[in-house]
Amino acid sequence: MGDATVIVPAVAKLAPPRLGRAFERARLFAALDEHADSAALWIGAAPGAGKSTLVATWLRSRRLRTL
């Protein structure tokens, strides 16, 4: 028999970012609030711009459940 290959997903894609000194961004949070009932929302920006941190801080501030 051949060797079985196990694919393990990157932990970064399964865990929320560490927020540390992240602060609330009122204007962006308001934009997210406007679309909170949408089935999906696309957030586009350059790598390292803070997309994941934005969503994580918004979810935390609104006390919303996540996966």
Protein backbone atom coordinates (compact mmCIF):
# COMPACT_ATOMS: atom_id res chain seq x y z
CA MET A 1 0.00 0.00 0.00
CA GLY A 2 1.04 3.57 -0.64
CA ASP A 3 1.60 6.27 1.93
CA ALA A 4 -1.54 8.19 2.90
CA THR A 5 -1.28 11.95 2.63
CA VAL A 6 -2.96 13.92 5.39
CA ILE A 7 -3.84 17.53 4.65
CA VAL A 8 -4.06 19.71 7.74
CA PRO A 9 -5.66 23.15 7.32
CA ALA A 10 -3.70 26.16 8.50
CA VAL A 11 -4.61 27.08 12.08
CA ALA A 12 -4.76 30.76 11.12
CA LYS A 13 -7.81 30.04 8.99
CA LEU A 14 -9.61 28.30 11.88
CA ALA A 15 -8.91 30.67 14.75
CA PRO A 16 -9.73 34.36 15.15
CA PRO A 17 -6.78 36.77 15.08
CA ARG A 18 -5.18 37.87 18.33
CA LEU A 19 -6.57 41.33 18.86
CA GLY A 20 -4.07 42.81 21.30
CA ARG A 21 -4.27 46.58 20.91
CA ALA A 22 -6.93 46.60 18.20
CA PHE A 23 -9.36 49.48 18.53
CA GLU A 24 -12.92 49.98 17.36
CA ARG A 25 -13.36 51.78 14.05
CA ALA A 26 -16.75 53.49 14.29
CA ARG A 27 -17.15 54.31 10.58
CA LEU A 28 -16.29 50.80 9.44
CA PHE A 29 -18.36 49.22 12.23
CA ALA A 30 -21.35 51.30 11.07
CA ALA A 31 -20.86 49.99 7.52
CA LEU A 32 -20.77 46.42 8.83
CA ASP A 33 -23.89 47.08 10.92
CA GLU A 34 -25.76 48.18 7.78
CA HIS A 35 -25.10 44.78 6.20
CA ALA A 36 -25.34 42.57 9.30
CA ASP A 37 -28.46 40.82 7.98
CA SER A 38 -26.92 40.02 4.60
CA ALA A 39 -26.17 36.41 3.72
CA ALA A 40 -22.59 37.37 2.81
CA LEU A 41 -20.38 40.43 2.71
CA TRP A 42 -17.16 40.88 0.73
CA ILE A 43 -14.46 42.93 2.42
CA GLY A 44 -11.64 43.75 0.04
CA ALA A 45 -8.32 45.38 0.84
CA ALA A 46 -4.61 44.81 0.43
CA PRO A 47 -2.88 42.02 2.38
CA GLY A 48 -2.14 43.15 5.91
CA ALA A 49 -4.70 45.97 5.81
CA GLY A 50 -6.59 44.57 8.82
CA LYS A 51 -9.62 42.86 7.28
CA SER A 52 -9.59 39.94 9.72
CA THR A 53 -8.91 42.24 12.66
CA LEU A 54 -11.77 44.52 11.60
CA VAL A 55 -14.25 41.67 11.50
CA ALA A 56 -12.95 40.12 14.73
CA THR A 57 -13.19 43.41 16.65
CA TRP A 58 -16.67 44.06 15.21
CA LEU A 59 -17.87 40.59 16.20
CA ARG A 60 -16.41 41.03 19.69
CA SER A 61 -17.94 44.49 20.16
CA ARG A 62 -21.37 43.27 19.06
CA ARG A 63 -21.04 40.05 21.09
CA LEU A 64 -21.96 38.00 18.04
CA ARG A 65 -21.38 34.26 17.96
CA THR A 66 -19.00 32.78 15.46
CA LEU A 67 -18.16 29.28 14.27
